[in-house]
Amino acid sequence: MYVFDLHQLAQFDDNNPRVQLISRSGHARQVLFSFSAGQNLREHKTSSQIAVQVVSGQLIFTAEGESRQVTPGQLILLEADVPHSVLAESDAVILVTMTPDPQHHSLAAELFDKIQPIVEWLP
């Protein structure tokens, strides 16, 4: 068993959102994003389904032409291949779970490929 304090793991960068790969198992991937106020992830998509859990802060999440303000305790579920973007209205932290883990897809240029996970559970 592994227990993570997401608030303690969150690290902020004044220039760009901070991305930390928490774990990958071959079945799922958990990624922690830390945003300083005003930072964003421009529109993108992934071949995995995603669950976005807001840990702290306030963000605007946009998908399929609909923008929603999201706050701590809220969970966003999004199907694979749906373009989406994120804008931090305040310092904010989100945990993204990707299923299946995109390492089993052909996403060689994906953002996470060069980041080592804290935990890796490969079959």
PDB file of N, CA and C in Angstrom:
ATOM      1  N   MET A   1       0.848  -1.173   0.000  1.00  0.00           N
ATOM      2  CA  MET A   1       0.000   0.000   0.000  1.00  0.00           C
ATOM      3  C   MET A   1       0.893   1.235   0.000  1.00  0.00           C
ATOM      4  N   TYR A   2       0.465   2.237  -0.751  1.00  0.00           N
ATOM      5  CA  TYR A   2       1.135   3.528  -0.799  1.00  0.00           C
ATOM      6  C   TYR A   2       0.121   4.591  -0.422  1.00  0.00           C
ATOM      7  N   VAL A   3       0.543   5.541   0.392  1.00  0.00           N
ATOM      8  CA  VAL A   3      -0.318   6.643   0.782  1.00  0.00           C
ATOM      9  C   VAL A   3       0.410   7.937   0.421  1.00  0.00           C
ATOM     10  N   PHE A   4      -0.271   8.823  -0.293  1.00  0.00           N
ATOM     11  CA  PHE A   4       0.325  10.072  -0.739  1.00  0.00           C
ATOM     12  C   PHE A   4      -0.456  11.248  -0.189  1.00  0.00           C
ATOM     13  N   ASP A   5       0.237  12.244   0.303  1.00  0.00           N
ATOM     14  CA  ASP A   5      -0.388  13.505   0.695  1.00  0.00           C
ATOM     15  C   ASP A   5      -0.241  14.431  -0.510  1.00  0.00           C
ATOM     16  N   LEU A   6      -1.300  14.583  -1.269  1.00  0.00           N
ATOM     17  CA  LEU A   6      -1.247  15.352  -2.504  1.00  0.00           C
ATOM     18  C   LEU A   6      -0.929  16.822  -2.262  1.00  0.00           C
ATOM     19  N   HIS A   7      -1.334  17.347  -1.112  1.00  0.00           N
ATOM     20  CA  HIS A   7      -1.023  18.739  -0.786  1.00  0.00           C
ATOM     21  C   HIS A   7       0.480  18.913  -0.584  1.00  0.00           C
ATOM     22  N   GLN A   8       1.125  17.936   0.042  1.00  0.00           N
ATOM     23  CA  GLN A   8       2.574  18.014   0.257  1.00  0.00           C
ATOM     24  C   GLN A   8       3.346  17.774  -1.034  1.00  0.00           C
ATOM     25  N   LEU A   9       2.825  16.924  -1.918  1.00  0.00           N
ATOM     26  CA  LEU A   9       3.504  16.643  -3.181  1.00  0.00           C
ATOM     27  C   LEU A   9       3.419  17.811  -4.164  1.00  0.00           C
ATOM     28  N   ALA A  10       2.385  18.626  -4.048  1.00  0.00           N
ATOM     29  CA  ALA A  10       2.182  19.729  -4.988  1.00  0.00           C
ATOM     30  C   ALA A  10       3.372  20.682  -4.955  1.00  0.00           C
ATOM     31  N   GLN A  11       3.905  20.966  -6.136  1.00  0.00           N
ATOM     32  CA  GLN A  11       5.009  21.912  -6.294  1.00  0.00           C
ATOM     33  C   GLN A  11       4.623  22.879  -7.399  1.00  0.00           C
ATOM     34  N   PHE A  12       4.842  24.145  -7.168  1.00  0.00           N
ATOM     35  CA  PHE A  12       4.426  25.168  -8.119  1.00  0.00           C
ATOM     36  C   PHE A  12       5.628  25.769  -8.819  1.00  0.00           C
ATOM     37  N   ASP A  13       5.424  26.170 -10.061  1.00  0.00           N
ATOM     38  CA  ASP A  13       6.438  26.799 -10.892  1.00  0.00           C
ATOM     39  C   ASP A  13       5.803  28.073 -11.439  1.00  0.00           C
ATOM     40  N   ASP A  14       6.509  29.190 -11.333  1.00  0.00           N
ATOM     41  CA  ASP A  14       5.944  30.462 -11.798  1.00  0.00           C
ATOM     42  C   ASP A  14       5.740  30.513 -13.306  1.00  0.00           C
ATOM     43  N   ASN A  15       6.472  29.682 -14.056  1.00  0.00           N
ATOM     44  CA  ASN A  15       6.431  29.762 -15.513  1.00  0.00           C
ATOM     45  C   ASN A  15       5.469  28.791 -16.181  1.00  0.00           C
ATOM     46  N   ASN A  16       5.311  27.597 -15.624  1.00  0.00           N
ATOM     47  CA  ASN A  16       4.497  26.559 -16.256  1.00  0.00           C
ATOM     48  C   ASN A  16       3.819  25.698 -15.197  1.00  0.00           C
ATOM     49  N   PRO A  17       2.708  25.058 -15.560  1.00  0.00           N
ATOM     50  CA  PRO A  17       2.131  24.076 -14.626  1.00  0.00           C
ATOM     51  C   PRO A  17       3.167  22.999 -14.318  1.00  0.00           C
ATOM     52  N   ARG A  18       3.163  22.516 -13.109  1.00  0.00           N
ATOM     53  CA  ARG A  18       4.090  21.461 -12.690  1.00  0.00           C
ATOM     54  C   ARG A  18       3.376  20.120 -12.835  1.00  0.00           C
ATOM     55  N   VAL A  19       4.038  19.135 -13.433  1.00  0.00           N
ATOM     56  CA  VAL A  19       3.458  17.823 -13.688  1.00  0.00           C
ATOM     57  C   VAL A  19       4.293  16.781 -12.965  1.00  0.00           C
ATOM     58  N   GLN A  20       3.631  15.949 -12.136  1.00  0.00           N
ATOM     59  CA  GLN A  20       4.314  14.876 -11.422  1.00  0.00           C
ATOM     60  C   GLN A  20       3.582  13.568 -11.684  1.00  0.00           C
ATOM     61  N   LEU A  21       4.288  12.589 -12.127  1.00  0.00           N
ATOM     62  CA  LEU A  21       3.716  11.266 -12.363  1.00  0.00           C
ATOM     63  C   LEU A  21       3.737  10.512 -11.040  1.00  0.00           C
ATOM     64  N   ILE A  22       2.554  10.296 -10.477  1.00  0.00           N
ATOM     65  CA  ILE A  22       2.448   9.624  -9.182  1.00  0.00           C
ATOM     66  C   ILE A  22       2.638   8.127  -9.348  1.00  0.00           C
ATOM     67  N   SER A  23       1.884   7.520 -10.252  1.00  0.00           N
ATOM     68  CA  SER A  23       2.037   6.077 -10.466  1.00  0.00           C
ATOM     69  C   SER A  23       1.560   5.679 -11.848  1.00  0.00           C
ATOM     70  N   ARG A  24       2.058   4.545 -12.285  1.00  0.00           N
ATOM     71  CA  ARG A  24       1.534   3.899 -13.488  1.00  0.00           C
ATOM     72  C   ARG A  24       1.589   2.411 -13.233  1.00  0.00           C
ATOM     73  N   SER A  25       0.557   1.738 -13.678  1.00  0.00           N
ATOM     74  CA  SER A  25       0.434   0.320 -13.356  1.00  0.00           C
ATOM     75  C   SER A  25       0.294  -0.556 -14.582  1.00  0.00           C
ATOM     76  N   GLY A  26       0.194   0.034 -15.738  1.00  0.00           N
ATOM     77  CA  GLY A  26      -0.149  -0.732 -16.923  1.00  0.00           C
ATOM     78  C   GLY A  26      -1.651  -0.689 -17.166  1.00  0.00           C
ATOM     79  N   HIS A  27      -2.418  -0.446 -16.106  1.00  0.00           N
ATOM     80  CA  HIS A  27      -3.875  -0.339 -16.214  1.00  0.00           C
ATOM     81  C   HIS A  27      -4.333   1.103 -16.087  1.00  0.00           C
ATOM     82  N   ALA A  28      -3.637   1.879 -15.265  1.00  0.00           N
ATOM     83  CA  ALA A  28      -4.012   3.273 -15.032  1.00  0.00           C
ATOM     84  C   ALA A  28      -2.761   4.089 -14.745  1.00  0.00           C
ATOM     85  N   ARG A  29      -2.920   5.388 -14.894  1.00  0.00           N
ATOM     86  CA  ARG A  29      -1.830   6.314 -14.599  1.00  0.00           C
ATOM     87  C   ARG A  29      -2.414   7.459 -13.784  1.00  0.00           C
ATOM     88  N   GLN A  30      -1.734   7.848 -12.692  1.00  0.00           N
ATOM     89  CA  GLN A  30      -2.156   8.976 -11.869  1.00  0.00           C
ATOM     90  C   GLN A  30      -1.110  10.080 -12.004  1.00  0.00           C
ATOM     91  N   VAL A  31      -1.597  11.266 -12.343  1.00  0.00           N
ATOM     92  CA  VAL A  31      -0.715  12.401 -12.589  1.00  0.00           C
ATOM     93  C   VAL A  31      -1.218  13.592 -11.776  1.00  0.00           C
ATOM     94  N   LEU A  32      -0.290  14.242 -11.062  1.00  0.00           N
ATOM     95  CA  LEU A  32      -0.627  15.413 -10.264  1.00  0.00           C
ATOM     96  C   LEU A  32      -0.180  16.664 -11.017  1.00  0.00           C
ATOM     97  N   PHE A  33      -1.119  17.580 -11.231  1.00  0.00           N
ATOM     98  CA  PHE A  33      -0.828  18.855 -11.884  1.00  0.00           C
ATOM     99  C   PHE A  33      -0.973  19.957 -10.840  1.00  0.00           C
ATOM    100  N   SER A  34       0.027  20.841 -10.757  1.00  0.00           N
ATOM    101  CA  SER A  34      -0.026  22.000  -9.861  1.00  0.00           C
ATOM    102  C   SER A  34       0.060  23.251 -10.723  1.00  0.00           C
ATOM    103  N   PHE A  35      -0.934  24.117 -10.619  1.00  0.00           N
ATOM    104  CA  PHE A  35      -1.026  25.330 -11.412  1.00  0.00           C
ATOM    105  C   PHE A  35      -0.895  26.553 -10.523  1.00  0.00           C
ATOM    106  N   SER A  36      -0.097  27.516 -10.940  1.00  0.00           N
ATOM    107  CA  SER A  36      -0.145  28.840 -10.321  1.00  0.00           C
ATOM    108  C   SER A  36      -1.307  29.573 -10.981  1.00  0.00           C
ATOM    109  N   ALA A  37      -1.870  30.528 -10.269  1.00  0.00           N
ATOM    110  CA  ALA A  37      -3.006  31.293 -10.803  1.00  0.00           C
ATOM    111  C   ALA A  37      -2.681  31.830 -12.187  1.00  0.00           C
ATOM    112  N   GLY A  38      -3.622  31.641 -13.121  1.00  0.00           N
ATOM    113  CA  GLY A  38      -3.468  32.138 -14.482  1.00  0.00           C
ATOM    114  C   GLY A  38      -2.842  31.149 -15.457  1.00  0.00           C
ATOM    115  N   GLN A  39      -2.233  30.082 -14.953  1.00  0.00           N
ATOM    116  CA  GLN A  39      -1.625  29.090 -15.849  1.00  0.00           C
ATOM    117  C   GLN A  39      -2.699  28.212 -16.466  1.00  0.00           C
ATOM    118  N   ASN A  40      -2.364  27.596 -17.604  1.00  0.00           N
ATOM    119  CA  ASN A  40      -3.347  26.771 -18.276  1.00  0.00           C
ATOM    120  C   ASN A  40      -2.685  25.609 -19.002  1.00  0.00           C
ATOM    121  N   LEU A  41      -3.517  24.664 -19.388  1.00  0.00           N
ATOM    122  CA  LEU A  41      -3.152  23.619 -20.344  1.00  0.00           C
ATOM    123  C   LEU A  41      -4.019  23.902 -21.558  1.00  0.00           C
ATOM    124  N   ARG A  42      -3.398  24.215 -22.677  1.00  0.00           N
ATOM    125  CA  ARG A  42      -4.183  24.518 -23.876  1.00  0.00           C
ATOM    126  C   ARG A  42      -4.916  23.252 -24.336  1.00  0.00           C
ATOM    127  N   GLU A  43      -5.821  23.412 -25.228  1.00  0.00           N
ATOM    128  CA  GLU A  43      -6.648  22.296 -25.678  1.00  0.00           C
ATOM    129  C   GLU A  43      -5.786  21.139 -26.188  1.00  0.00           C
ATOM    130  N   HIS A  44      -6.114  19.948 -25.721  1.00  0.00           N
ATOM    131  CA  HIS A  44      -5.402  18.726 -26.088  1.00  0.00           C
ATOM    132  C   HIS A  44      -6.364  17.564 -25.891  1.00  0.00           C
ATOM    133  N   LYS A  45      -5.934  16.362 -26.235  1.00  0.00           N
ATOM    134  CA  LYS A  45      -6.741  15.170 -25.975  1.00  0.00           C
ATOM    135  C   LYS A  45      -5.806  13.992 -25.747  1.00  0.00           C
ATOM    136  N   THR A  46      -6.363  12.927 -25.200  1.00  0.00           N
ATOM    137  CA  THR A  46      -5.606  11.715 -24.946  1.00  0.00           C
ATOM    138  C   THR A  46      -6.448  10.512 -25.366  1.00  0.00           C
ATOM    139  N   SER A  47      -5.784   9.427 -25.661  1.00  0.00           N
ATOM    140  CA  SER A  47      -6.490   8.213 -26.063  1.00  0.00           C
ATOM    141  C   SER A  47      -7.030   7.436 -24.863  1.00  0.00           C
ATOM    142  N   SER A  48      -6.840   7.966 -23.667  1.00  0.00           N
ATOM    143  CA  SER A  48      -7.359   7.336 -22.446  1.00  0.00           C
ATOM    144  C   SER A  48      -8.584   8.090 -21.941  1.00  0.00           C
ATOM    145  N   GLN A  49      -9.446   7.387 -21.230  1.00  0.00           N
ATOM    146  CA  GLN A  49     -10.484   8.064 -20.465  1.00  0.00           C
ATOM    147  C   GLN A  49      -9.783   8.748 -19.307  1.00  0.00           C
ATOM    148  N   ILE A  50     -10.321   9.887 -18.856  1.00  0.00           N
ATOM    149  CA  ILE A  50      -9.701  10.561 -17.717  1.00  0.00           C
ATOM    150  C   ILE A  50     -10.733  10.868 -16.642  1.00  0.00           C
ATOM    151  N   ALA A  51     -10.237  10.835 -15.406  1.00  0.00           N
ATOM    152  CA  ALA A  51     -10.984  11.306 -14.247  1.00  0.00           C
ATOM    153  C   ALA A  51     -10.126  12.414 -13.647  1.00  0.00           C
ATOM    154  N   VAL A  52     -10.690  13.609 -13.540  1.00  0.00           N
ATOM    155  CA  VAL A  52      -9.964  14.766 -13.028  1.00  0.00           C
ATOM    156  C   VAL A  52     -10.564  15.136 -11.681  1.00  0.00           C
ATOM    157  N   GLN A  53      -9.766  15.000 -10.625  1.00  0.00           N
ATOM    158  CA  GLN A  53     -10.220  15.317  -9.273  1.00  0.00           C
ATOM    159  C   GLN A  53      -9.560  16.622  -8.843  1.00  0.00           C
ATOM    160  N   VAL A  54     -10.359  17.596  -8.448  1.00  0.00           N
ATOM    161  CA  VAL A  54      -9.824  18.872  -7.984  1.00  0.00           C
ATOM    162  C   VAL A  54      -9.434  18.712  -6.512  1.00  0.00           C
ATOM    163  N   VAL A  55      -8.142  18.893  -6.240  1.00  0.00           N
ATOM    164  CA  VAL A  55      -7.613  18.763  -4.881  1.00  0.00           C
ATOM    165  C   VAL A  55      -7.680  20.092  -4.146  1.00  0.00           C
ATOM    166  N   SER A  56      -7.293  21.172  -4.843  1.00  0.00           N
ATOM    167  CA  SER A  56      -7.342  22.500  -4.236  1.00  0.00           C
ATOM    168  C   SER A  56      -7.451  23.552  -5.334  1.00  0.00           C
ATOM    169  N   GLY A  57      -7.941  24.718  -4.958  1.00  0.00           N
ATOM    170  CA  GLY A  57      -8.021  25.823  -5.892  1.00  0.00           C
ATOM    171  C   GLY A  57      -9.287  25.833  -6.724  1.00  0.00           C
ATOM    172  N   GLN A  58      -9.298  26.746  -7.685  1.00  0.00           N
ATOM    173  CA  GLN A  58     -10.456  26.925  -8.546  1.00  0.00           C
ATOM    174  C   GLN A  58      -9.975  26.979  -9.987  1.00  0.00           C
ATOM    175  N   LEU A  59     -10.616  26.192 -10.860  1.00  0.00           N
ATOM    176  CA  LEU A  59     -10.227  26.111 -12.257  1.00  0.00           C
ATOM    177  C   LEU A  59     -11.434  26.225 -13.169  1.00  0.00           C
ATOM    178  N   ILE A  60     -11.144  26.516 -14.436  1.00  0.00           N
ATOM    179  CA  ILE A  60     -12.147  26.442 -15.491  1.00  0.00           C
ATOM    180  C   ILE A  60     -11.735  25.257 -16.368  1.00  0.00           C
ATOM    181  N   PHE A  61     -12.606  24.274 -16.487  1.00  0.00           N
ATOM    182  CA  PHE A  61     -12.363  23.092 -17.317  1.00  0.00           C
ATOM    183  C   PHE A  61     -13.293  23.199 -18.514  1.00  0.00           C
ATOM    184  N   THR A  62     -12.721  23.111 -19.706  1.00  0.00           N
ATOM    185  CA  THR A  62     -13.509  23.240 -20.927  1.00  0.00           C
ATOM    186  C   THR A  62     -13.394  21.975 -21.755  1.00  0.00           C
ATOM    187  N   ALA A  63     -14.539  21.450 -22.189  1.00  0.00           N
ATOM    188  CA  ALA A  63     -14.586  20.274 -23.070  1.00  0.00           C
ATOM    189  C   ALA A  63     -15.838  20.367 -23.921  1.00  0.00           C
ATOM    190  N   GLU A  64     -15.702  20.001 -25.173  1.00  0.00           N
ATOM    191  CA  GLU A  64     -16.839  19.973 -26.098  1.00  0.00           C
ATOM    192  C   GLU A  64     -17.601  21.292 -26.104  1.00  0.00           C
ATOM    193  N   GLY A  65     -16.861  22.408 -26.056  1.00  0.00           N
ATOM    194  CA  GLY A  65     -17.498  23.721 -26.124  1.00  0.00           C
ATOM    195  C   GLY A  65     -18.171  24.189 -24.853  1.00  0.00           C
ATOM    196  N   GLU A  66     -18.078  23.419 -23.776  1.00  0.00           N
ATOM    197  CA  GLU A  66     -18.703  23.787 -22.507  1.00  0.00           C
ATOM    198  C   GLU A  66     -17.624  24.042 -21.464  1.00  0.00           C
ATOM    199  N   SER A  67     -17.671  25.199 -20.814  1.00  0.00           N
ATOM    200  CA  SER A  67     -16.730  25.551 -19.751  1.00  0.00           C
ATOM    201  C   SER A  67     -17.440  25.475 -18.409  1.00  0.00           C
ATOM    202  N   ARG A  68     -16.770  24.863 -17.445  1.00  0.00           N
ATOM    203  CA  ARG A  68     -17.335  24.722 -16.097  1.00  0.00           C
ATOM    204  C   ARG A  68     -16.303  25.151 -15.075  1.00  0.00           C
ATOM    205  N   GLN A  69     -16.728  25.918 -14.086  1.00  0.00           N
ATOM    206  CA  GLN A  69     -15.861  26.237 -12.967  1.00  0.00           C
ATOM    207  C   GLN A  69     -15.870  25.021 -12.040  1.00  0.00           C
ATOM    208  N   VAL A  70     -14.690  24.566 -11.640  1.00  0.00           N
ATOM    209  CA  VAL A  70     -14.586  23.398 -10.760  1.00  0.00           C
ATOM    210  C   VAL A  70     -13.770  23.766  -9.522  1.00  0.00           C
ATOM    211  N   THR A  71     -14.158  23.163  -8.399  1.00  0.00           N
ATOM    212  CA  THR A  71     -13.561  23.468  -7.103  1.00  0.00           C
ATOM    213  C   THR A  71     -13.251  22.171  -6.359  1.00  0.00           C
ATOM    214  N   PRO A  72     -12.515  22.255  -5.234  1.00  0.00           N
ATOM    215  CA  PRO A  72     -12.137  21.046  -4.496  1.00  0.00           C
ATOM    216  C   PRO A  72     -13.331  20.152  -4.172  1.00  0.00           C
ATOM    217  N   GLY A  73     -13.088  18.872  -4.334  1.00  0.00           N
ATOM    218  CA  GLY A  73     -14.122  17.881  -4.077  1.00  0.00           C
ATOM    219  C   GLY A  73     -14.907  17.498  -5.313  1.00  0.00           C
ATOM    220  N   GLN A  74     -14.731  18.230  -6.401  1.00  0.00           N
ATOM    221  CA  GLN A  74     -15.447  17.889  -7.625  1.00  0.00           C
ATOM    222  C   GLN A  74     -14.609  16.951  -8.490  1.00  0.00           C
ATOM    223  N   LEU A  75     -15.311  16.135  -9.259  1.00  0.00           N
ATOM    224  CA  LEU A  75     -14.696  15.131 -10.123  1.00  0.00           C
ATOM    225  C   LEU A  75     -15.259  15.290 -11.527  1.00  0.00           C
ATOM    226  N   ILE A  76     -14.375  15.335 -12.497  1.00  0.00           N
ATOM    227  CA  ILE A  76     -14.768  15.422 -13.903  1.00  0.00           C
ATOM    228  C   ILE A  76     -14.430  14.096 -14.558  1.00  0.00           C
ATOM    229  N   LEU A  77     -15.367  13.509 -15.287  1.00  0.00           N
ATOM    230  CA  LEU A  77     -15.112  12.293 -16.053  1.00  0.00           C
ATOM    231  C   LEU A  77     -15.223  12.644 -17.529  1.00  0.00           C
ATOM    232  N   LEU A  78     -14.230  12.200 -18.307  1.00  0.00           N
ATOM    233  CA  LEU A  78     -14.192  12.549 -19.720  1.00  0.00           C
ATOM    234  C   LEU A  78     -13.764  11.331 -20.525  1.00  0.00           C
ATOM    235  N   GLU A  79     -14.509  11.069 -21.579  1.00  0.00           N
ATOM    236  CA  GLU A  79     -14.187   9.949 -22.456  1.00  0.00           C
ATOM    237  C   GLU A  79     -12.886  10.213 -23.220  1.00  0.00           C
ATOM    238  N   ALA A  80     -12.313   9.176 -23.781  1.00  0.00           N
ATOM    239  CA  ALA A  80     -11.088   9.274 -24.576  1.00  0.00           C
ATOM    240  C   ALA A  80     -11.318  10.146 -25.808  1.00  0.00           C
ATOM    241  N   ASP A  81     -10.256  10.768 -26.265  1.00  0.00           N
ATOM    242  CA  ASP A  81     -10.224  11.540 -27.518  1.00  0.00           C
ATOM    243  C   ASP A  81     -11.149  12.754 -27.536  1.00  0.00           C
ATOM    244  N   VAL A  82     -11.506  13.288 -26.372  1.00  0.00           N
ATOM    245  CA  VAL A  82     -12.313  14.500 -26.307  1.00  0.00           C
ATOM    246  C   VAL A  82     -11.370  15.675 -26.031  1.00  0.00           C
ATOM    247  N   PRO A  83     -11.299  16.640 -26.935  1.00  0.00           N
ATOM    248  CA  PRO A  83     -10.446  17.808 -26.692  1.00  0.00           C
ATOM    249  C   PRO A  83     -10.904  18.556 -25.440  1.00  0.00           C
ATOM    250  N   HIS A  84      -9.935  18.973 -24.625  1.00  0.00           N
ATOM    251  CA  HIS A  84     -10.251  19.683 -23.391  1.00  0.00           C
ATOM    252  C   HIS A  84      -9.095  20.613 -23.023  1.00  0.00           C
ATOM    253  N   SER A  85      -9.395  21.592 -22.159  1.00  0.00           N
ATOM    254  CA  SER A  85      -8.384  22.531 -21.682  1.00  0.00           C
ATOM    255  C   SER A  85      -8.678  22.886 -20.227  1.00  0.00           C
ATOM    256  N   VAL A  86      -7.655  23.444 -19.570  1.00  0.00           N
ATOM    257  CA  VAL A  86      -7.766  23.804 -18.158  1.00  0.00           C
ATOM    258  C   VAL A  86      -7.160  25.191 -17.956  1.00  0.00           C
ATOM    259  N   LEU A  87      -7.842  26.029 -17.176  1.00  0.00           N
ATOM    260  CA  LEU A  87      -7.330  27.341 -16.803  1.00  0.00           C
ATOM    261  C   LEU A  87      -7.469  27.492 -15.295  1.00  0.00           C
ATOM    262  N   ALA A  88      -6.358  27.818 -14.613  1.00  0.00           N
ATOM    263  CA  ALA A  88      -6.380  28.002 -13.158  1.00  0.00           C
ATOM    264  C   ALA A  88      -6.771  29.433 -12.827  1.00  0.00           C
ATOM    265  N   GLU A  89      -7.869  29.586 -12.101  1.00  0.00           N
ATOM    266  CA  GLU A  89      -8.292  30.913 -11.644  1.00  0.00           C
ATOM    267  C   GLU A  89      -7.555  31.311 -10.365  1.00  0.00           C
ATOM    268  N   SER A  90      -7.022  30.320  -9.664  1.00  0.00           N
ATOM    269  CA  SER A  90      -6.218  30.544  -8.461  1.00  0.00           C
ATOM    270  C   SER A  90      -5.144  29.454  -8.471  1.00  0.00           C
ATOM    271  N   ASP A  91      -4.220  29.497  -7.530  1.00  0.00           N
ATOM    272  CA  ASP A  91      -3.307  28.360  -7.400  1.00  0.00           C
ATOM    273  C   ASP A  91      -4.179  27.126  -7.230  1.00  0.00           C
ATOM    274  N   ALA A  92      -3.866  26.062  -7.945  1.00  0.00           N
ATOM    275  CA  ALA A  92      -4.763  24.902  -7.943  1.00  0.00           C
ATOM    276  C   ALA A  92      -3.972  23.618  -8.170  1.00  0.00           C
ATOM    277  N   VAL A  93      -4.525  22.519  -7.663  1.00  0.00           N
ATOM    278  CA  VAL A  93      -3.928  21.191  -7.823  1.00  0.00           C
ATOM    279  C   VAL A  93      -5.028  20.242  -8.272  1.00  0.00           C
ATOM    280  N   ILE A  94      -4.733  19.436  -9.310  1.00  0.00           N
ATOM    281  CA  ILE A  94      -5.670  18.406  -9.758  1.00  0.00           C
ATOM    282  C   ILE A  94      -4.938  17.073  -9.862  1.00  0.00           C
ATOM    283  N   LEU A  95      -5.672  16.020  -9.601  1.00  0.00           N
ATOM    284  CA  LEU A  95      -5.173  14.659  -9.790  1.00  0.00           C
ATOM    285  C   LEU A  95      -5.921  14.065 -10.975  1.00  0.00           C
ATOM    286  N   VAL A  96      -5.169  13.622 -11.987  1.00  0.00           N
ATOM    287  CA  VAL A  96      -5.761  13.041 -13.185  1.00  0.00           C
ATOM    288  C   VAL A  96      -5.453  11.548 -13.205  1.00  0.00           C
ATOM    289  N   THR A  97      -6.499  10.741 -13.355  1.00  0.00           N
ATOM    290  CA  THR A  97      -6.336   9.291 -13.514  1.00  0.00           C
ATOM    291  C   THR A  97      -6.709   8.954 -14.944  1.00  0.00           C
ATOM    292  N   MET A  98      -5.781   8.305 -15.638  1.00  0.00           N
ATOM    293  CA  MET A  98      -5.963   7.956 -17.044  1.00  0.00           C
ATOM    294  C   MET A  98      -6.116   6.443 -17.153  1.00  0.00           C
ATOM    295  N   THR A  99      -7.214   5.999 -17.784  1.00  0.00           N
ATOM    296  CA  THR A  99      -7.427   4.566 -17.993  1.00  0.00           C
ATOM    297  C   THR A  99      -7.843   4.318 -19.438  1.00  0.00           C
ATOM    298  N   PRO A 100      -7.263   3.345 -20.092  1.00  0.00           N
ATOM    299  CA  PRO A 100      -6.078   2.620 -19.639  1.00  0.00           C
ATOM    300  C   PRO A 100      -4.853   3.520 -19.677  1.00  0.00           C
ATOM    301  N   ASP A 101      -3.800   3.075 -18.999  1.00  0.00           N
ATOM    302  CA  ASP A 101      -2.540   3.801 -18.988  1.00  0.00           C
ATOM    303  C   ASP A 101      -2.090   4.009 -20.427  1.00  0.00           C
ATOM    304  N   PRO A 102      -1.841   5.243 -20.833  1.00  0.00           N
ATOM    305  CA  PRO A 102      -1.485   5.490 -22.234  1.00  0.00           C
ATOM    306  C   PRO A 102      -0.157   4.893 -22.663  1.00  0.00           C
ATOM    307  N   GLN A 103       0.605   4.295 -21.755  1.00  0.00           N
ATOM    308  CA  GLN A 103       1.849   3.640 -22.181  1.00  0.00           C
ATOM    309  C   GLN A 103       1.537   2.472 -23.106  1.00  0.00           C
ATOM    310  N   HIS A 104       0.301   2.012 -23.104  1.00  0.00           N
ATOM    311  CA  HIS A 104      -0.099   0.907 -23.968  1.00  0.00           C
ATOM    312  C   HIS A 104      -0.748   1.406 -25.255  1.00  0.00           C
ATOM    313  N   HIS A 105      -0.672   2.685 -25.497  1.00  0.00           N
ATOM    314  CA  HIS A 105      -1.169   3.285 -26.724  1.00  0.00           C
ATOM    315  C   HIS A 105       0.042   3.793 -27.498  1.00  0.00           C
ATOM    316  N   SER A 106      -0.180   4.291 -28.662  1.00  0.00           N
ATOM    317  CA  SER A 106       0.926   4.837 -29.445  1.00  0.00           C
ATOM    318  C   SER A 106       1.038   6.339 -29.223  1.00  0.00           C
ATOM    319  N   LEU A 107       1.388   6.732 -28.008  1.00  0.00           N
ATOM    320  CA  LEU A 107       1.511   8.144 -27.658  1.00  0.00           C
ATOM    321  C   LEU A 107       2.959   8.477 -27.317  1.00  0.00           C
ATOM    322  N   ALA A 108       3.863   8.215 -28.228  1.00  0.00           N
ATOM    323  CA  ALA A 108       5.283   8.391 -27.954  1.00  0.00           C
ATOM    324  C   ALA A 108       5.633   9.815 -27.557  1.00  0.00           C
ATOM    325  N   ALA A 109       4.920  10.793 -28.082  1.00  0.00           N
ATOM    326  CA  ALA A 109       5.249  12.191 -27.797  1.00  0.00           C
ATOM    327  C   ALA A 109       4.486  12.730 -26.591  1.00  0.00           C
ATOM    328  N   GLU A 110       3.828  11.868 -25.840  1.00  0.00           N
ATOM    329  CA  GLU A 110       3.020  12.339 -24.720  1.00  0.00           C
ATOM    330  C   GLU A 110       3.869  13.041 -23.671  1.00  0.00           C
ATOM    331  N   LEU A 111       3.279  14.002 -23.016  1.00  0.00           N
ATOM    332  CA  LEU A 111       3.942  14.816 -22.010  1.00  0.00           C
ATOM    333  C   LEU A 111       4.633  14.000 -20.929  1.00  0.00           C
ATOM    334  N   PHE A 112       4.054  12.887 -20.506  1.00  0.00           N
ATOM    335  CA  PHE A 112       4.544  12.152 -19.347  1.00  0.00           C
ATOM    336  C   PHE A 112       5.680  11.184 -19.635  1.00  0.00           C
ATOM    337  N   ASP A 113       6.002  10.947 -20.885  1.00  0.00           N
ATOM    338  CA  ASP A 113       6.957   9.901 -21.226  1.00  0.00           C
ATOM    339  C   ASP A 113       8.345  10.098 -20.631  1.00  0.00           C
ATOM    340  N   LYS A 114       8.724  11.316 -20.327  1.00  0.00           N
ATOM    341  CA  LYS A 114      10.061  11.583 -19.807  1.00  0.00           C
ATOM    342  C   LYS A 114      10.076  11.755 -18.287  1.00  0.00           C
ATOM    343  N   ILE A 115       8.927  11.601 -17.645  1.00  0.00           N
ATOM    344  CA  ILE A 115       8.822  11.787 -16.202  1.00  0.00           C
ATOM    345  C   ILE A 115       8.773  10.426 -15.516  1.00  0.00           C
ATOM    346  N   GLN A 116       9.624  10.228 -14.527  1.00  0.00           N
ATOM    347  CA  GLN A 116       9.638   8.977 -13.776  1.00  0.00           C
ATOM    348  C   GLN A 116       8.538   8.979 -12.716  1.00  0.00           C
ATOM    349  N   PRO A 117       7.810   7.864 -12.591  1.00  0.00           N
ATOM    350  CA  PRO A 117       6.744   7.800 -11.580  1.00  0.00           C
ATOM    351  C   PRO A 117       7.318   7.622 -10.172  1.00  0.00           C
ATOM    352  N   ILE A 118       6.566   8.041  -9.180  1.00  0.00           N
ATOM    353  CA  ILE A 118       6.932   7.753  -7.798  1.00  0.00           C
ATOM    354  C   ILE A 118       6.744   6.256  -7.553  1.00  0.00           C
ATOM    355  N   VAL A 119       5.674   5.679  -8.105  1.00  0.00           N
ATOM    356  CA  VAL A 119       5.366   4.259  -7.954  1.00  0.00           C
ATOM    357  C   VAL A 119       5.070   3.673  -9.331  1.00  0.00           C
ATOM    358  N   GLU A 120       5.630   2.504  -9.626  1.00  0.00           N
ATOM    359  CA  GLU A 120       5.330   1.833 -10.878  1.00  0.00           C
ATOM    360  C   GLU A 120       4.939   0.383 -10.581  1.00  0.00           C
ATOM    361  N   TRP A 121       3.769  -0.015 -11.043  1.00  0.00           N
ATOM    362  CA  TRP A 121       3.229  -1.347 -10.787  1.00  0.00           C
ATOM    363  C   TRP A 121       3.043  -2.057 -12.113  1.00  0.00           C
ATOM    364  N   LEU A 122       4.073  -2.435 -12.738  1.00  0.00           N
ATOM    365  CA  LEU A 122       3.944  -3.080 -14.054  1.00  0.00           C
ATOM    366  C   LEU A 122       3.639  -4.558 -13.899  1.00  0.00           C
ATOM    367  N   PRO A 123       2.778  -5.073 -14.781  1.00  0.00           N
ATOM    368  CA  PRO A 123       2.406  -6.487 -14.699  1.00  0.00           C
ATOM    369  C   PRO A 123       3.571  -7.395 -15.052  1.00  0.00           C
TER     370      PRO A 123
END
